[in-house]
């Protein structure tokens, strides 16, 4: 039981850390390199922050049910991130505007873009925000991270179920 709890804590801690690192990389790209984000970029940024918060809280609370719940929520948010990144890469990047898309309505409707424009401001169209880094589109990097989080969550859930 101790081994399972420790593994889940380490998994959640790693997910929280990498999620915040992804947001940090996005902010550096935006503010230092001038890569302006679109609505789908910002929506994925929001998902990374939510994943980090849930994973961090799950890692900090030493209770099996709380950790399993955090892993399940992390898994669900990761799947939402995969869908968002896939949509951005395959559909939105070909569109002239992200205006009134699901991502735009969530970010603008929440008021986050006005409250924290340095973090959640939408400054580009999806087509303009389609940028490659090391040969892969930014959205693909996000998709890969979300997939890693989903697999890590599933492995941790499976490990705790077997014990």
N, C-alpha and C. Protein backbone atom coordinates (compact mmCIF):
# COMPACT_ATOMS: atom_id res chain seq x y z
N UNK A 1 0.83 -1.19 0.00
CA UNK A 1 0.00 0.00 0.00
C UNK A 1 0.87 1.25 0.00
N UNK A 2 1.95 1.25 0.80
CA UNK A 2 2.84 2.40 0.85
C UNK A 2 3.49 2.64 -0.50
N UNK A 3 3.88 1.58 -1.20
CA UNK A 3 4.51 1.69 -2.50
C UNK A 3 3.56 2.33 -3.50
N UNK A 4 2.29 1.91 -3.50
CA UNK A 4 1.29 2.46 -4.41
C UNK A 4 1.07 3.94 -4.14
N UNK A 5 0.94 4.31 -2.88
CA UNK A 5 0.71 5.71 -2.51
C UNK A 5 1.89 6.56 -2.94
N UNK A 6 3.10 6.07 -2.70
CA UNK A 6 4.31 6.80 -3.08
C UNK A 6 4.38 6.96 -4.61
N UNK A 7 4.06 5.90 -5.36
CA UNK A 7 4.08 5.96 -6.82
C UNK A 7 3.06 6.98 -7.32
N UNK A 8 1.85 6.96 -6.77
CA UNK A 8 0.81 7.90 -7.18
C UNK A 8 1.21 9.34 -6.85
N UNK A 9 1.82 9.53 -5.69
CA UNK A 9 2.27 10.87 -5.30
C UNK A 9 3.34 11.36 -6.26
N UNK A 10 4.29 10.52 -6.60
CA UNK A 10 5.35 10.91 -7.53
C UNK A 10 4.80 11.16 -8.93
N UNK A 11 3.84 10.34 -9.35
CA UNK A 11 3.23 10.53 -10.66
C UNK A 11 2.50 11.87 -10.72
N UNK A 12 1.68 12.15 -9.72
CA UNK A 12 0.94 13.41 -9.68
C UNK A 12 1.90 14.61 -9.57
N UNK A 13 2.94 14.48 -8.78
CA UNK A 13 3.92 15.57 -8.65
C UNK A 13 4.61 15.85 -9.98
N UNK A 14 4.99 14.79 -10.67
CA UNK A 14 5.65 14.96 -11.97
C UNK A 14 4.71 15.61 -12.99
N UNK A 15 3.46 15.18 -13.01
CA UNK A 15 2.48 15.76 -13.93
C UNK A 15 2.30 17.25 -13.62
N UNK A 16 2.19 17.60 -12.34
CA UNK A 16 2.02 19.01 -11.96
C UNK A 16 3.22 19.84 -12.41
N UNK A 17 4.41 19.33 -12.16
CA UNK A 17 5.64 20.05 -12.52
C UNK A 17 5.74 20.24 -14.04
N UNK A 18 5.52 19.18 -14.80
CA UNK A 18 5.64 19.27 -16.26
C UNK A 18 4.54 20.17 -16.83
N UNK A 19 3.35 20.14 -16.26
CA UNK A 19 2.27 21.03 -16.71
C UNK A 19 2.67 22.50 -16.54
N UNK A 20 3.22 22.82 -15.38
CA UNK A 20 3.65 24.19 -15.15
C UNK A 20 4.82 24.57 -16.04
N UNK A 21 5.70 23.61 -16.31
CA UNK A 21 6.81 23.86 -17.24
C UNK A 21 6.28 24.15 -18.64
N UNK A 22 5.23 23.45 -19.05
CA UNK A 22 4.63 23.69 -20.37
C UNK A 22 4.05 25.10 -20.44
N UNK A 23 3.37 25.51 -19.38
CA UNK A 23 2.83 26.88 -19.35
C UNK A 23 3.98 27.89 -19.36
N UNK A 24 5.02 27.61 -18.61
CA UNK A 24 6.19 28.49 -18.61
C UNK A 24 6.81 28.62 -19.99
N UNK A 25 6.92 27.50 -20.70
CA UNK A 25 7.47 27.52 -22.06
C UNK A 25 6.57 28.34 -22.99
N UNK A 26 5.27 28.19 -22.83
CA UNK A 26 4.33 28.95 -23.66
C UNK A 26 4.45 30.45 -23.37
N UNK A 27 4.59 30.80 -22.09
CA UNK A 27 4.73 32.22 -21.73
C UNK A 27 6.05 32.80 -22.24
N UNK A 28 7.12 32.02 -22.16
CA UNK A 28 8.40 32.47 -22.71
C UNK A 28 8.30 32.66 -24.21
N UNK A 29 7.65 31.72 -24.89
CA UNK A 29 7.48 31.83 -26.34
C UNK A 29 6.68 33.07 -26.70
N UNK A 30 5.67 33.37 -25.89
CA UNK A 30 4.83 34.53 -26.16
C UNK A 30 5.55 35.84 -25.86
N UNK A 31 6.06 35.96 -24.64
CA UNK A 31 6.59 37.24 -24.20
C UNK A 31 8.03 37.52 -24.60
N UNK A 32 8.82 36.49 -24.83
CA UNK A 32 10.21 36.70 -25.22
C UNK A 32 10.46 36.49 -26.71
N UNK A 33 9.71 35.58 -27.32
CA UNK A 33 9.92 35.28 -28.73
C UNK A 33 8.84 35.85 -29.65
N UNK A 34 7.82 36.45 -29.05
CA UNK A 34 6.78 37.09 -29.85
C UNK A 34 5.82 36.13 -30.54
N UNK A 35 5.71 34.91 -30.05
CA UNK A 35 4.77 33.93 -30.63
C UNK A 35 3.41 34.13 -29.97
N UNK A 36 2.53 34.87 -30.64
CA UNK A 36 1.24 35.23 -30.05
C UNK A 36 0.26 34.06 -30.09
N UNK A 37 -0.48 33.86 -29.00
CA UNK A 37 -1.39 32.70 -28.90
C UNK A 37 -2.78 32.98 -29.47
N UNK A 38 -3.39 31.91 -29.96
CA UNK A 38 -4.78 31.96 -30.41
C UNK A 38 -5.68 31.43 -29.29
N UNK A 39 -6.97 31.40 -29.56
CA UNK A 39 -7.93 30.93 -28.54
C UNK A 39 -7.66 29.48 -28.14
N UNK A 40 -7.33 28.62 -29.10
CA UNK A 40 -7.07 27.22 -28.77
C UNK A 40 -5.78 27.07 -27.98
N UNK A 41 -4.78 27.92 -28.26
CA UNK A 41 -3.54 27.91 -27.46
C UNK A 41 -3.85 28.26 -26.00
N UNK A 42 -4.66 29.29 -25.82
CA UNK A 42 -5.00 29.74 -24.48
C UNK A 42 -5.85 28.71 -23.76
N UNK A 43 -6.77 28.09 -24.48
CA UNK A 43 -7.60 27.05 -23.86
C UNK A 43 -6.73 25.90 -23.37
N UNK A 44 -5.74 25.51 -24.17
CA UNK A 44 -4.83 24.44 -23.74
C UNK A 44 -3.98 24.90 -22.56
N UNK A 45 -3.60 26.15 -22.55
CA UNK A 45 -2.85 26.71 -21.42
C UNK A 45 -3.69 26.58 -20.13
N UNK A 46 -4.97 26.90 -20.26
CA UNK A 46 -5.89 26.77 -19.12
C UNK A 46 -5.98 25.32 -18.66
N UNK A 47 -6.06 24.38 -19.60
CA UNK A 47 -6.11 22.96 -19.24
C UNK A 47 -4.83 22.52 -18.52
N UNK A 48 -3.67 22.98 -19.00
CA UNK A 48 -2.42 22.64 -18.32
C UNK A 48 -2.41 23.16 -16.89
N UNK A 49 -2.93 24.36 -16.68
CA UNK A 49 -2.98 24.93 -15.33
C UNK A 49 -3.94 24.13 -14.45
N UNK A 50 -5.10 23.78 -14.98
CA UNK A 50 -6.05 22.96 -14.22
C UNK A 50 -5.45 21.61 -13.86
N UNK A 51 -4.77 20.99 -14.81
CA UNK A 51 -4.10 19.70 -14.54
C UNK A 51 -3.07 19.88 -13.43
N UNK A 52 -2.28 20.94 -13.49
CA UNK A 52 -1.25 21.18 -12.47
C UNK A 52 -1.88 21.34 -11.09
N UNK A 53 -2.96 22.09 -11.00
CA UNK A 53 -3.62 22.32 -9.70
C UNK A 53 -4.17 21.01 -9.15
N UNK A 54 -4.89 20.27 -9.98
CA UNK A 54 -5.49 19.00 -9.53
C UNK A 54 -4.40 18.01 -9.13
N UNK A 55 -3.36 17.89 -9.95
CA UNK A 55 -2.28 16.95 -9.66
C UNK A 55 -1.53 17.35 -8.39
N UNK A 56 -1.27 18.65 -8.23
CA UNK A 56 -0.58 19.12 -7.04
C UNK A 56 -1.40 18.82 -5.78
N UNK A 57 -2.68 19.13 -5.82
CA UNK A 57 -3.54 18.87 -4.65
C UNK A 57 -3.60 17.36 -4.35
N UNK A 58 -3.70 16.56 -5.40
CA UNK A 58 -3.72 15.11 -5.21
C UNK A 58 -2.43 14.58 -4.61
N UNK A 59 -1.31 15.17 -5.01
CA UNK A 59 -0.01 14.74 -4.47
C UNK A 59 0.16 15.16 -3.01
N UNK A 60 -0.41 16.29 -2.65
CA UNK A 60 -0.22 16.83 -1.30
C UNK A 60 -1.11 16.16 -0.24
N UNK A 61 -2.27 15.68 -0.64
CA UNK A 61 -3.20 15.07 0.31
C UNK A 61 -2.90 13.57 0.39
N UNK A 62 -2.52 13.12 1.55
CA UNK A 62 -2.12 11.72 1.72
C UNK A 62 -3.33 10.84 2.05
N UNK A 63 -4.18 10.69 1.04
CA UNK A 63 -5.38 9.86 1.20
C UNK A 63 -5.63 9.16 -0.14
N UNK A 64 -5.81 7.86 -0.08
CA UNK A 64 -5.93 7.05 -1.28
C UNK A 64 -7.07 7.51 -2.19
N UNK A 65 -8.24 7.80 -1.62
CA UNK A 65 -9.40 8.20 -2.43
C UNK A 65 -9.13 9.55 -3.12
N UNK A 66 -8.49 10.47 -2.40
CA UNK A 66 -8.18 11.78 -2.97
C UNK A 66 -7.19 11.62 -4.12
N UNK A 67 -6.18 10.80 -3.93
CA UNK A 67 -5.18 10.59 -4.99
C UNK A 67 -5.80 9.93 -6.22
N UNK A 68 -6.65 8.92 -6.00
CA UNK A 68 -7.32 8.27 -7.13
C UNK A 68 -8.24 9.25 -7.85
N UNK A 69 -8.94 10.07 -7.09
CA UNK A 69 -9.82 11.07 -7.69
C UNK A 69 -9.00 12.07 -8.51
N UNK A 70 -7.88 12.51 -7.96
CA UNK A 70 -7.00 13.44 -8.69
C UNK A 70 -6.48 12.80 -9.97
N UNK A 71 -6.14 11.52 -9.92
CA UNK A 71 -5.68 10.83 -11.12
C UNK A 71 -6.79 10.73 -12.17
N UNK A 72 -8.01 10.46 -11.73
CA UNK A 72 -9.14 10.37 -12.66
C UNK A 72 -9.42 11.73 -13.30
N UNK A 73 -9.42 12.79 -12.49
CA UNK A 73 -9.66 14.13 -13.04
C UNK A 73 -8.52 14.53 -13.97
N UNK A 74 -7.29 14.20 -13.60
CA UNK A 74 -6.14 14.48 -14.47
C UNK A 74 -6.29 13.74 -15.79
N UNK A 75 -6.71 12.49 -15.72
CA UNK A 75 -6.94 11.72 -16.94
C UNK A 75 -7.99 12.39 -17.82
N UNK A 76 -9.11 12.79 -17.24
CA UNK A 76 -10.19 13.43 -18.01
C UNK A 76 -9.74 14.76 -18.61
N UNK A 77 -9.03 15.57 -17.85
CA UNK A 77 -8.51 16.83 -18.38
C UNK A 77 -7.48 16.59 -19.48
N UNK A 78 -6.69 15.54 -19.34
CA UNK A 78 -5.70 15.19 -20.37
C UNK A 78 -6.39 14.77 -21.67
N UNK A 79 -7.47 14.02 -21.55
CA UNK A 79 -8.23 13.63 -22.74
C UNK A 79 -8.83 14.87 -23.40
N UNK A 80 -9.34 15.80 -22.60
CA UNK A 80 -9.86 17.06 -23.15
C UNK A 80 -8.74 17.82 -23.85
N UNK A 81 -7.55 17.80 -23.26
CA UNK A 81 -6.39 18.45 -23.89
C UNK A 81 -6.01 17.81 -25.20
N UNK A 82 -6.04 16.48 -25.25
CA UNK A 82 -5.75 15.78 -26.51
C UNK A 82 -6.73 16.21 -27.58
N UNK A 83 -8.02 16.27 -27.23
CA UNK A 83 -9.05 16.68 -28.19
C UNK A 83 -8.82 18.12 -28.65
N UNK A 84 -8.49 19.00 -27.71
CA UNK A 84 -8.27 20.42 -28.05
C UNK A 84 -7.05 20.58 -28.95
N UNK A 85 -5.96 19.91 -28.61
CA UNK A 85 -4.74 20.01 -29.40
C UNK A 85 -4.96 19.41 -30.79
N UNK A 86 -5.65 18.28 -30.85
CA UNK A 86 -5.95 17.65 -32.14
C UNK A 86 -6.80 18.60 -33.00
N UNK A 87 -7.81 19.20 -32.41
CA UNK A 87 -8.66 20.14 -33.15
C UNK A 87 -7.85 21.34 -33.63
N UNK A 88 -7.00 21.87 -32.77
CA UNK A 88 -6.19 23.01 -33.18
C UNK A 88 -5.28 22.65 -34.34
N UNK A 89 -4.66 21.49 -34.27
CA UNK A 89 -3.69 21.07 -35.28
C UNK A 89 -4.37 20.73 -36.61
N UNK A 90 -5.50 20.05 -36.55
CA UNK A 90 -6.11 19.55 -37.79
C UNK A 90 -7.20 20.46 -38.37
N UNK A 91 -7.86 21.26 -37.53
CA UNK A 91 -8.98 22.08 -38.01
C UNK A 91 -8.68 23.57 -37.85
N UNK A 92 -8.44 23.99 -36.63
CA UNK A 92 -8.32 25.43 -36.35
C UNK A 92 -7.14 26.07 -37.05
N UNK A 93 -6.04 25.36 -37.19
CA UNK A 93 -4.86 25.93 -37.84
C UNK A 93 -5.11 26.26 -39.31
N UNK A 94 -6.15 25.69 -39.88
CA UNK A 94 -6.51 25.95 -41.27
C UNK A 94 -7.58 27.04 -41.38
N UNK A 95 -8.04 27.55 -40.23
CA UNK A 95 -9.12 28.55 -40.21
C UNK A 95 -8.54 29.95 -40.08
N UNK A 96 -9.19 30.90 -40.73
CA UNK A 96 -8.75 32.28 -40.64
C UNK A 96 -9.06 32.89 -39.28
N UNK A 97 -10.05 32.34 -38.57
CA UNK A 97 -10.46 32.93 -37.30
C UNK A 97 -10.82 31.84 -36.29
N UNK A 98 -10.49 32.13 -35.03
CA UNK A 98 -10.91 31.26 -33.92
C UNK A 98 -12.12 31.88 -33.22
N UNK A 99 -12.58 33.01 -33.74
CA UNK A 99 -13.66 33.75 -33.11
C UNK A 99 -14.92 32.89 -33.00
N UNK A 100 -15.49 32.86 -31.83
CA UNK A 100 -16.73 32.13 -31.53
C UNK A 100 -16.59 30.61 -31.57
N UNK A 101 -15.36 30.12 -31.54
CA UNK A 101 -15.17 28.68 -31.40
C UNK A 101 -15.37 28.33 -29.93
N UNK A 102 -15.43 27.06 -29.62
CA UNK A 102 -15.60 26.62 -28.24
C UNK A 102 -14.51 27.21 -27.34
N UNK A 103 -13.27 27.16 -27.80
CA UNK A 103 -12.16 27.69 -27.01
C UNK A 103 -12.33 29.18 -26.75
N UNK A 104 -12.68 29.91 -27.77
CA UNK A 104 -12.88 31.36 -27.64
C UNK A 104 -14.01 31.67 -26.67
N UNK A 105 -15.11 30.95 -26.78
CA UNK A 105 -16.26 31.20 -25.89
C UNK A 105 -15.91 30.88 -24.44
N UNK A 106 -15.13 29.82 -24.19
CA UNK A 106 -14.75 29.46 -22.82
C UNK A 106 -13.81 30.51 -22.23
N UNK A 107 -12.78 30.88 -22.97
CA UNK A 107 -11.78 31.82 -22.45
C UNK A 107 -12.40 33.21 -22.26
N UNK A 108 -13.08 33.70 -23.28
CA UNK A 108 -13.69 35.03 -23.18
C UNK A 108 -14.86 35.02 -22.20
N UNK A 109 -15.67 33.98 -22.24
CA UNK A 109 -16.82 33.88 -21.35
C UNK A 109 -16.43 33.80 -19.88
N UNK A 110 -15.28 33.23 -19.59
CA UNK A 110 -14.82 33.13 -18.20
C UNK A 110 -14.27 34.46 -17.69
N UNK A 111 -13.92 35.35 -18.61
CA UNK A 111 -13.35 36.63 -18.23
C UNK A 111 -11.86 36.57 -17.96
N UNK A 112 -11.26 35.41 -18.14
CA UNK A 112 -9.83 35.26 -17.86
C UNK A 112 -8.96 36.12 -18.77
N UNK A 113 -9.39 36.27 -20.03
CA UNK A 113 -8.60 37.07 -20.97
C UNK A 113 -8.53 38.53 -20.54
N UNK A 114 -9.59 39.03 -19.95
CA UNK A 114 -9.59 40.43 -19.47
C UNK A 114 -8.92 40.56 -18.11
N UNK A 115 -9.09 39.56 -17.25
CA UNK A 115 -8.53 39.63 -15.89
C UNK A 115 -7.01 39.43 -15.89
N UNK A 116 -6.53 38.50 -16.69
CA UNK A 116 -5.09 38.18 -16.74
C UNK A 116 -4.62 38.12 -18.20
N UNK A 117 -4.58 39.27 -18.88
CA UNK A 117 -4.25 39.23 -20.31
C UNK A 117 -2.84 38.72 -20.60
N UNK A 118 -1.91 38.89 -19.69
CA UNK A 118 -0.54 38.40 -19.90
C UNK A 118 -0.49 36.87 -19.92
N UNK A 119 -1.50 36.23 -19.31
CA UNK A 119 -1.55 34.77 -19.23
C UNK A 119 -2.60 34.19 -20.17
N UNK A 120 -3.76 34.85 -20.26
CA UNK A 120 -4.89 34.30 -21.01
C UNK A 120 -5.35 35.17 -22.18
N UNK A 121 -4.59 36.19 -22.55
CA UNK A 121 -4.99 37.05 -23.67
C UNK A 121 -4.89 36.33 -25.00
N UNK A 122 -5.89 36.51 -25.84
CA UNK A 122 -5.92 35.92 -27.18
C UNK A 122 -5.46 37.01 -28.15
N UNK A 123 -4.33 36.78 -28.81
CA UNK A 123 -3.72 37.82 -29.63
C UNK A 123 -3.50 37.43 -31.09
N UNK A 124 -3.87 36.23 -31.48
CA UNK A 124 -3.63 35.80 -32.85
C UNK A 124 -4.77 34.92 -33.33
N UNK A 125 -4.85 34.76 -34.64
CA UNK A 125 -5.79 33.79 -35.20
C UNK A 125 -5.14 32.42 -35.12
N UNK A 126 -5.93 31.40 -35.27
CA UNK A 126 -5.39 30.04 -35.21
C UNK A 126 -4.38 29.80 -36.34
N UNK A 127 -4.66 30.35 -37.50
CA UNK A 127 -3.76 30.17 -38.63
C UNK A 127 -2.42 30.86 -38.36
N UNK A 128 -2.47 32.06 -37.79
CA UNK A 128 -1.24 32.80 -37.47
C UNK A 128 -0.45 32.15 -36.34
N UNK A 129 -1.15 31.47 -35.43
CA UNK A 129 -0.49 30.86 -34.27
C UNK A 129 0.11 29.49 -34.57
N UNK A 130 -0.11 28.97 -35.77
CA UNK A 130 0.43 27.65 -36.13
C UNK A 130 1.94 27.78 -36.36
N UNK A 131 2.71 27.40 -35.35
CA UNK A 131 4.16 27.56 -35.38
C UNK A 131 4.80 26.21 -35.09
N UNK A 132 5.88 25.91 -35.81
CA UNK A 132 6.62 24.67 -35.57
C UNK A 132 7.81 24.93 -34.66
N UNK A 133 8.05 23.99 -33.76
CA UNK A 133 9.21 24.02 -32.88
C UNK A 133 9.88 22.65 -33.00
N UNK A 134 11.13 22.65 -33.39
CA UNK A 134 11.89 21.41 -33.60
C UNK A 134 11.15 20.47 -34.56
N UNK A 135 10.53 21.05 -35.58
CA UNK A 135 9.87 20.28 -36.62
C UNK A 135 8.45 19.85 -36.34
N UNK A 136 7.95 20.14 -35.14
CA UNK A 136 6.56 19.79 -34.80
C UNK A 136 5.78 21.04 -34.45
N UNK A 137 4.53 21.06 -34.87
CA UNK A 137 3.64 22.15 -34.52
C UNK A 137 3.50 22.22 -33.00
N UNK A 138 3.36 23.44 -32.46
CA UNK A 138 3.18 23.63 -31.02
C UNK A 138 2.02 22.78 -30.50
N UNK A 139 0.94 22.70 -31.28
CA UNK A 139 -0.23 21.91 -30.86
C UNK A 139 0.12 20.43 -30.74
N UNK A 140 1.01 19.95 -31.57
CA UNK A 140 1.42 18.54 -31.50
C UNK A 140 2.22 18.29 -30.22
N UNK A 141 3.09 19.24 -29.84
CA UNK A 141 3.82 19.10 -28.59
C UNK A 141 2.84 19.02 -27.42
N UNK A 142 1.81 19.87 -27.45
CA UNK A 142 0.79 19.82 -26.40
C UNK A 142 0.09 18.48 -26.39
N UNK A 143 -0.30 18.03 -27.56
CA UNK A 143 -0.99 16.74 -27.68
C UNK A 143 -0.13 15.62 -27.09
N UNK A 144 1.14 15.62 -27.39
CA UNK A 144 2.04 14.59 -26.86
C UNK A 144 2.14 14.65 -25.33
N UNK A 145 2.22 15.86 -24.78
CA UNK A 145 2.26 15.99 -23.32
C UNK A 145 0.97 15.50 -22.69
N UNK A 146 -0.17 15.89 -23.27
CA UNK A 146 -1.45 15.41 -22.74
C UNK A 146 -1.52 13.89 -22.80
N UNK A 147 -1.01 13.31 -23.87
CA UNK A 147 -1.03 11.85 -24.00
C UNK A 147 -0.15 11.20 -22.93
N UNK A 148 1.01 11.78 -22.66
CA UNK A 148 1.88 11.26 -21.60
C UNK A 148 1.17 11.34 -20.25
N UNK A 149 0.50 12.46 -19.99
CA UNK A 149 -0.24 12.60 -18.73
C UNK A 149 -1.35 11.56 -18.63
N UNK A 150 -2.05 11.33 -19.72
CA UNK A 150 -3.15 10.35 -19.71
C UNK A 150 -2.61 8.95 -19.43
N UNK A 151 -1.53 8.58 -20.09
CA UNK A 151 -0.94 7.25 -19.89
C UNK A 151 -0.41 7.12 -18.46
N UNK A 152 0.27 8.15 -17.97
CA UNK A 152 0.80 8.10 -16.60
C UNK A 152 -0.34 7.97 -15.59
N UNK A 153 -1.43 8.69 -15.82
CA UNK A 153 -2.59 8.59 -14.92
C UNK A 153 -3.19 7.19 -14.96
N UNK A 154 -3.31 6.63 -16.15
CA UNK A 154 -3.86 5.27 -16.28
C UNK A 154 -2.97 4.24 -15.58
N UNK A 155 -1.67 4.36 -15.76
CA UNK A 155 -0.74 3.43 -15.11
C UNK A 155 -0.86 3.54 -13.60
N UNK A 156 -0.91 4.77 -13.09
CA UNK A 156 -1.03 4.96 -11.64
C UNK A 156 -2.36 4.41 -11.13
N UNK A 157 -3.44 4.65 -11.88
CA UNK A 157 -4.74 4.11 -11.48
C UNK A 157 -4.74 2.59 -11.50
N UNK A 158 -4.13 2.03 -12.50
CA UNK A 158 -4.05 0.56 -12.63
C UNK A 158 -3.22 -0.02 -11.47
N UNK A 159 -2.12 0.64 -11.14
CA UNK A 159 -1.27 0.19 -10.05
C UNK A 159 -2.04 0.20 -8.73
N UNK A 160 -2.81 1.26 -8.49
CA UNK A 160 -3.55 1.35 -7.23
C UNK A 160 -4.73 0.38 -7.21
N UNK A 161 -5.27 0.04 -8.38
CA UNK A 161 -6.38 -0.91 -8.44
C UNK A 161 -5.90 -2.33 -8.14
N UNK A 162 -4.68 -2.65 -8.55
CA UNK A 162 -4.15 -4.00 -8.34
C UNK A 162 -3.80 -4.25 -6.89
N UNK A 163 -3.57 -3.20 -6.12
CA UNK A 163 -3.19 -3.37 -4.71
C UNK A 163 -4.39 -3.45 -3.80
